[in-house]
Amino acid sequence: MSEHNMMPPEGINQHASTAGEGALTITGLIKKSGKISGYQLSDGSRITKDQGVEMARQNKIRGVAVATNQGTEYLRGLPDQADSNNLGNLPTVGS
């Protein structure tokens, strides 16, 4: 696979969080009918998908970007060297 194919489509990210020290990370996914409906954060709290988008816009969650697909905002993990922190690789913690 070429490096170009590994990059997200141009313009997909609406906002990349610039959260620094003390910001929370996503540690688990909450799913309903197989789709992500929320997130568990590193402090143990659970938030909805919409709350996650708002927190990312406020730079309160590290390592994510807000993206839009067909008018719906959602979180995407920012690419880095680790696969273990990719949102798709996180455990499901609730439904």
N, C-alpha and C. Protein backbone atom coordinates (compact mmCIF):
# COMPACT_ATOMS: atom_id res chain seq x y z
N MET A 1 0.86 -1.18 0.00
CA MET A 1 0.00 0.00 0.00
C MET A 1 0.90 1.24 0.00
N SER A 2 0.62 2.16 -0.85
CA SER A 2 1.44 3.36 -0.90
C SER A 2 1.09 4.29 0.26
N GLU A 3 2.04 5.17 0.57
CA GLU A 3 1.82 6.12 1.66
C GLU A 3 0.59 6.99 1.39
N HIS A 4 0.37 7.32 0.12
CA HIS A 4 -0.79 8.14 -0.25
C HIS A 4 -2.10 7.46 0.15
N ASN A 5 -2.18 6.14 -0.02
CA ASN A 5 -3.40 5.42 0.32
C ASN A 5 -3.64 5.33 1.81
N MET A 6 -2.61 5.56 2.62
CA MET A 6 -2.74 5.47 4.07
C MET A 6 -3.24 6.78 4.67
N MET A 7 -3.19 7.84 3.92
CA MET A 7 -3.61 9.13 4.42
C MET A 7 -5.13 9.26 4.32
N PRO A 8 -5.75 9.94 5.29
CA PRO A 8 -7.20 10.14 5.19
C PRO A 8 -7.52 11.05 4.00
N PRO A 9 -8.74 10.93 3.47
CA PRO A 9 -9.12 11.81 2.36
C PRO A 9 -8.96 13.27 2.76
N GLU A 10 -8.46 14.07 1.84
CA GLU A 10 -8.23 15.48 2.12
C GLU A 10 -9.53 16.16 2.53
N GLY A 11 -9.48 16.97 3.57
CA GLY A 11 -10.64 17.72 4.02
C GLY A 11 -11.58 16.95 4.94
N ILE A 12 -11.27 15.68 5.27
CA ILE A 12 -12.16 14.90 6.12
C ILE A 12 -12.18 15.43 7.55
N ASN A 13 -11.03 15.84 8.06
CA ASN A 13 -10.96 16.35 9.43
C ASN A 13 -11.39 17.80 9.47
N GLN A 14 -12.38 18.08 10.31
CA GLN A 14 -12.86 19.45 10.49
C GLN A 14 -12.06 20.18 11.56
N HIS A 15 -11.57 19.42 12.54
CA HIS A 15 -10.81 20.00 13.64
C HIS A 15 -9.93 18.92 14.24
N ALA A 16 -8.65 19.15 14.31
CA ALA A 16 -7.74 18.23 14.99
C ALA A 16 -7.45 18.79 16.37
N SER A 17 -7.73 18.00 17.38
CA SER A 17 -7.52 18.44 18.76
C SER A 17 -6.05 18.72 19.00
N THR A 18 -5.77 19.83 19.65
CA THR A 18 -4.41 20.19 20.00
C THR A 18 -4.21 20.06 21.51
N ALA A 19 -4.95 19.15 22.11
CA ALA A 19 -4.91 18.96 23.56
C ALA A 19 -3.50 18.61 24.01
N GLY A 20 -3.13 19.13 25.15
CA GLY A 20 -1.81 18.88 25.70
C GLY A 20 -1.87 18.08 26.97
N GLU A 21 -0.88 18.29 27.82
CA GLU A 21 -0.80 17.61 29.10
C GLU A 21 -2.10 17.79 29.88
N GLY A 22 -2.53 16.75 30.52
CA GLY A 22 -3.73 16.81 31.33
C GLY A 22 -5.01 16.53 30.57
N ALA A 23 -4.94 16.48 29.25
CA ALA A 23 -6.13 16.16 28.46
C ALA A 23 -6.43 14.68 28.60
N LEU A 24 -7.67 14.33 28.40
CA LEU A 24 -8.09 12.94 28.52
C LEU A 24 -7.84 12.20 27.21
N THR A 25 -7.81 10.88 27.28
CA THR A 25 -7.73 10.04 26.10
C THR A 25 -8.92 9.10 26.10
N ILE A 26 -9.26 8.59 24.94
CA ILE A 26 -10.34 7.61 24.82
C ILE A 26 -9.74 6.23 25.07
N THR A 27 -10.34 5.49 26.01
CA THR A 27 -9.82 4.17 26.37
C THR A 27 -10.75 3.04 25.96
N GLY A 28 -11.99 3.36 25.60
CA GLY A 28 -12.94 2.32 25.21
C GLY A 28 -14.10 2.91 24.43
N LEU A 29 -14.79 2.02 23.73
CA LEU A 29 -15.92 2.42 22.89
C LEU A 29 -17.22 1.90 23.48
N ILE A 30 -18.25 2.71 23.44
CA ILE A 30 -19.59 2.30 23.83
C ILE A 30 -20.37 2.13 22.53
N LYS A 31 -20.93 0.94 22.34
CA LYS A 31 -21.62 0.65 21.08
C LYS A 31 -23.07 0.30 21.32
N LYS A 32 -23.89 0.65 20.34
CA LYS A 32 -25.30 0.30 20.32
C LYS A 32 -25.59 -0.25 18.93
N SER A 33 -26.07 -1.45 18.85
CA SER A 33 -26.34 -2.13 17.58
C SER A 33 -25.10 -2.14 16.69
N GLY A 34 -23.93 -2.31 17.31
CA GLY A 34 -22.68 -2.42 16.57
C GLY A 34 -22.05 -1.10 16.16
N LYS A 35 -22.72 0.02 16.43
CA LYS A 35 -22.19 1.33 16.05
C LYS A 35 -21.76 2.09 17.29
N ILE A 36 -20.71 2.89 17.15
CA ILE A 36 -20.21 3.67 18.28
C ILE A 36 -21.25 4.72 18.68
N SER A 37 -21.63 4.69 19.95
CA SER A 37 -22.59 5.68 20.46
C SER A 37 -21.96 6.56 21.54
N GLY A 38 -20.77 6.17 22.00
CA GLY A 38 -20.10 6.95 23.03
C GLY A 38 -18.70 6.42 23.28
N TYR A 39 -18.06 7.02 24.29
CA TYR A 39 -16.66 6.70 24.58
C TYR A 39 -16.44 6.64 26.09
N GLN A 40 -15.51 5.79 26.48
CA GLN A 40 -15.03 5.82 27.86
C GLN A 40 -13.70 6.56 27.83
N LEU A 41 -13.52 7.47 28.78
CA LEU A 41 -12.32 8.29 28.83
C LEU A 41 -11.34 7.78 29.89
N SER A 42 -10.13 8.27 29.83
CA SER A 42 -9.06 7.82 30.71
C SER A 42 -9.33 8.10 32.18
N ASP A 43 -10.27 8.98 32.50
CA ASP A 43 -10.63 9.22 33.90
C ASP A 43 -11.78 8.32 34.35
N GLY A 44 -12.22 7.39 33.46
CA GLY A 44 -13.29 6.46 33.78
C GLY A 44 -14.68 6.94 33.42
N SER A 45 -14.81 8.21 33.06
CA SER A 45 -16.14 8.73 32.71
C SER A 45 -16.56 8.20 31.35
N ARG A 46 -17.86 8.19 31.13
CA ARG A 46 -18.43 7.77 29.86
C ARG A 46 -19.23 8.94 29.28
N ILE A 47 -19.03 9.18 28.00
CA ILE A 47 -19.67 10.30 27.34
C ILE A 47 -20.32 9.82 26.04
N THR A 48 -21.27 10.60 25.55
CA THR A 48 -21.90 10.28 24.28
C THR A 48 -20.98 10.67 23.13
N LYS A 49 -21.33 10.22 21.96
CA LYS A 49 -20.58 10.57 20.76
C LYS A 49 -20.57 12.10 20.57
N ASP A 50 -21.72 12.73 20.74
CA ASP A 50 -21.82 14.18 20.59
C ASP A 50 -20.98 14.91 21.64
N GLN A 51 -20.98 14.42 22.87
CA GLN A 51 -20.14 15.04 23.91
C GLN A 51 -18.66 14.90 23.54
N GLY A 52 -18.29 13.75 22.97
CA GLY A 52 -16.90 13.55 22.55
C GLY A 52 -16.49 14.53 21.47
N VAL A 53 -17.36 14.76 20.52
CA VAL A 53 -17.08 15.73 19.46
C VAL A 53 -16.89 17.11 20.06
N GLU A 54 -17.76 17.52 20.97
CA GLU A 54 -17.65 18.84 21.59
C GLU A 54 -16.36 18.96 22.42
N MET A 55 -16.04 17.91 23.18
CA MET A 55 -14.81 17.95 23.98
C MET A 55 -13.58 18.01 23.09
N ALA A 56 -13.59 17.32 21.96
CA ALA A 56 -12.45 17.38 21.04
C ALA A 56 -12.31 18.79 20.46
N ARG A 57 -13.43 19.41 20.14
CA ARG A 57 -13.39 20.79 19.63
C ARG A 57 -12.81 21.75 20.67
N GLN A 58 -13.02 21.43 21.94
CA GLN A 58 -12.49 22.25 23.04
C GLN A 58 -11.09 21.81 23.45
N ASN A 59 -10.49 20.88 22.68
CA ASN A 59 -9.14 20.36 22.94
C ASN A 59 -9.02 19.69 24.30
N LYS A 60 -10.08 19.02 24.73
CA LYS A 60 -10.08 18.32 26.01
C LYS A 60 -9.79 16.83 25.86
N ILE A 61 -9.75 16.33 24.60
CA ILE A 61 -9.42 14.93 24.33
C ILE A 61 -8.21 14.91 23.40
N ARG A 62 -7.21 14.15 23.79
CA ARG A 62 -5.96 14.09 23.03
C ARG A 62 -6.01 12.98 21.97
N GLY A 63 -5.38 13.24 20.82
CA GLY A 63 -5.18 12.22 19.81
C GLY A 63 -6.34 11.97 18.86
N VAL A 64 -7.27 12.92 18.79
CA VAL A 64 -8.43 12.74 17.91
C VAL A 64 -8.67 13.97 17.04
N ALA A 65 -9.44 13.75 16.01
CA ALA A 65 -9.91 14.84 15.15
C ALA A 65 -11.41 14.69 14.98
N VAL A 66 -12.08 15.79 14.74
CA VAL A 66 -13.50 15.77 14.42
C VAL A 66 -13.60 15.70 12.90
N ALA A 67 -14.32 14.70 12.41
CA ALA A 67 -14.53 14.53 10.98
C ALA A 67 -16.02 14.53 10.70
N THR A 68 -16.36 14.68 9.44
CA THR A 68 -17.77 14.70 9.03
C THR A 68 -17.97 13.71 7.90
N ASN A 69 -19.04 12.93 8.01
CA ASN A 69 -19.42 12.00 6.96
C ASN A 69 -20.92 12.15 6.73
N GLN A 70 -21.30 12.58 5.56
CA GLN A 70 -22.70 12.78 5.21
C GLN A 70 -23.42 13.65 6.24
N GLY A 71 -22.75 14.70 6.67
CA GLY A 71 -23.34 15.66 7.59
C GLY A 71 -23.30 15.27 9.05
N THR A 72 -22.75 14.09 9.38
CA THR A 72 -22.67 13.64 10.76
C THR A 72 -21.24 13.76 11.25
N GLU A 73 -21.06 14.44 12.38
CA GLU A 73 -19.73 14.59 12.96
C GLU A 73 -19.40 13.38 13.83
N TYR A 74 -18.13 12.99 13.80
CA TYR A 74 -17.66 11.88 14.60
C TYR A 74 -16.17 12.07 14.89
N LEU A 75 -15.62 11.25 15.77
CA LEU A 75 -14.21 11.34 16.10
C LEU A 75 -13.41 10.32 15.32
N ARG A 76 -12.22 10.72 14.91
CA ARG A 76 -11.24 9.85 14.26
C ARG A 76 -9.95 9.96 15.05
N GLY A 77 -9.24 8.87 15.18
CA GLY A 77 -7.93 8.92 15.80
C GLY A 77 -6.94 9.59 14.87
N LEU A 78 -6.06 10.40 15.43
CA LEU A 78 -5.00 11.00 14.62
C LEU A 78 -3.92 9.96 14.37
N PRO A 79 -3.39 9.87 13.17
CA PRO A 79 -2.37 8.86 12.89
C PRO A 79 -1.11 9.09 13.71
N ASP A 80 -0.58 8.00 14.23
CA ASP A 80 0.71 8.02 14.90
C ASP A 80 1.38 6.67 14.67
N GLN A 81 2.43 6.38 15.38
CA GLN A 81 3.18 5.15 15.16
C GLN A 81 2.59 3.93 15.86
N ALA A 82 1.60 4.12 16.74
CA ALA A 82 1.04 3.02 17.52
C ALA A 82 -0.33 2.61 16.99
N ASP A 83 -0.52 1.30 16.81
CA ASP A 83 -1.83 0.80 16.40
C ASP A 83 -2.76 0.61 17.59
N SER A 84 -2.20 0.41 18.78
CA SER A 84 -3.00 0.06 19.96
C SER A 84 -3.95 1.17 20.38
N ASN A 85 -3.65 2.43 20.01
CA ASN A 85 -4.52 3.52 20.42
C ASN A 85 -5.47 3.98 19.31
N ASN A 86 -5.48 3.27 18.18
CA ASN A 86 -6.44 3.59 17.12
C ASN A 86 -7.84 3.31 17.65
N LEU A 87 -8.78 4.19 17.38
CA LEU A 87 -10.13 4.03 17.92
C LEU A 87 -10.72 2.67 17.56
N GLY A 88 -10.49 2.19 16.36
CA GLY A 88 -11.04 0.91 15.93
C GLY A 88 -10.46 -0.28 16.69
N ASN A 89 -9.31 -0.10 17.33
CA ASN A 89 -8.66 -1.18 18.07
C ASN A 89 -8.99 -1.15 19.56
N LEU A 90 -9.73 -0.16 20.01
CA LEU A 90 -10.05 -0.06 21.44
C LEU A 90 -11.15 -1.05 21.80
N PRO A 91 -11.17 -1.49 23.04
CA PRO A 91 -12.19 -2.45 23.46
C PRO A 91 -13.58 -1.80 23.58
N THR A 92 -14.60 -2.62 23.39
CA THR A 92 -15.96 -2.17 23.63
C THR A 92 -16.22 -2.31 25.13
N VAL A 93 -16.70 -1.25 25.76
CA VAL A 93 -16.88 -1.25 27.21
C VAL A 93 -18.34 -1.16 27.63
N GLY A 94 -19.23 -1.07 26.70
CA GLY A 94 -20.64 -0.98 27.05
C GLY A 94 -21.49 -0.89 25.81
N SER A 95 -22.79 -0.93 26.06
CA SER A 95 -23.71 -0.82 24.92
C SER A 95 -24.91 -0.01 25.33
